[in-house]
């Protein structure tokens, strides 16, 4: 791999709890994996979302592109 190219991986997780109503509000898990060239990333991603007290599920997979603005 040349010096400007490198692997890009990201994991992000969030959990929101509604303390007033005492239940789950929303949570998600985001996974990204691909290549980075300088400040541009491209690759495959997956997002898993859970909504509301019954934790209804919504999953989404696809390609992503991202640019970091300095």
Protein backbone atom coordinates (compact mmCIF):
# COMPACT_ATOMS: atom_id res chain seq x y z
CA UNK A 1 0.00 0.00 0.00
CA UNK A 2 1.39 3.40 -0.95
CA UNK A 3 1.98 6.09 1.72
CA UNK A 4 -1.19 8.09 0.89
CA UNK A 5 -3.43 5.00 0.99
CA UNK A 6 -4.53 3.27 4.20
CA UNK A 7 -7.37 1.20 5.64
CA UNK A 8 -10.35 3.05 7.11
CA UNK A 9 -12.50 1.43 9.81
CA UNK A 10 -15.04 3.02 12.10
CA UNK A 11 -17.43 1.76 14.78
CA UNK A 12 -19.92 4.13 16.39
CA UNK A 13 -22.55 3.24 18.97
CA UNK A 14 -25.19 5.32 20.74
CA UNK A 15 -27.84 4.50 23.35
CA UNK A 16 -30.54 6.94 24.47
CA UNK A 17 -32.69 6.28 27.51
CA UNK A 18 -35.69 8.48 28.35
CA UNK A 19 -35.42 8.95 32.13
CA UNK A 20 -38.78 10.76 32.36
CA UNK A 21 -40.71 7.88 30.84
CA UNK A 22 -38.24 5.23 32.00
CA UNK A 23 -37.66 3.41 28.71
CA UNK A 24 -35.41 3.03 25.68
CA UNK A 25 -35.71 5.94 23.23
CA UNK A 26 -33.25 5.07 20.44
CA UNK A 27 -29.97 3.28 19.86
CA UNK A 28 -27.81 2.60 16.83
CA UNK A 29 -24.65 0.85 15.73
CA UNK A 30 -22.74 2.12 12.68
CA UNK A 31 -20.00 0.07 11.03
CA UNK A 32 -17.77 1.39 8.23
CA UNK A 33 -14.86 -0.28 6.47
CA UNK A 34 -12.97 0.79 3.38
CA UNK A 35 -9.96 2.69 2.07
CA UNK A 36 -8.70 6.18 2.76
CA UNK A 37 -6.73 8.34 0.33
CA UNK A 38 -5.50 11.52 2.01
CA UNK A 39 -8.75 13.04 3.42
CA UNK A 40 -11.25 10.98 1.37
CA UNK A 41 -12.76 7.67 2.53
CA UNK A 42 -14.83 5.19 0.53
CA UNK A 43 -16.13 1.72 1.35
CA UNK A 44 -19.01 -0.38 2.67
CA UNK A 45 -21.17 0.39 5.67
CA UNK A 46 -23.95 -0.96 7.83
CA UNK A 47 -26.26 0.84 10.26
CA UNK A 48 -28.53 -0.93 12.76
CA UNK A 49 -31.20 1.28 14.41
CA UNK A 50 -33.56 0.48 17.29
CA UNK A 51 -36.44 2.86 18.03
CA UNK A 52 -38.86 3.30 20.92
CA UNK A 53 -39.66 1.29 24.03
CA UNK A 54 -40.37 -1.85 21.97
CA UNK A 55 -37.01 -1.45 20.20
CA UNK A 56 -38.33 -1.64 16.64
CA UNK A 57 -35.41 -2.55 14.34
CA UNK A 58 -34.32 -0.98 11.07
CA UNK A 59 -31.13 -2.12 9.29
CA UNK A 60 -29.44 -0.49 6.33
CA UNK A 61 -26.38 -1.55 4.30
CA UNK A 62 -24.63 0.14 1.40
CA UNK A 63 -21.65 2.08 0.10
CA UNK A 64 -20.35 5.31 1.58
CA UNK A 65 -18.08 8.17 0.64
CA UNK A 66 -16.73 10.69 3.12
CA UNK A 67 -14.49 13.77 2.90
CA UNK A 68 -12.78 15.25 5.98
CA UNK A 69 -12.66 19.03 5.70
CA UNK A 70 -9.54 20.39 7.42
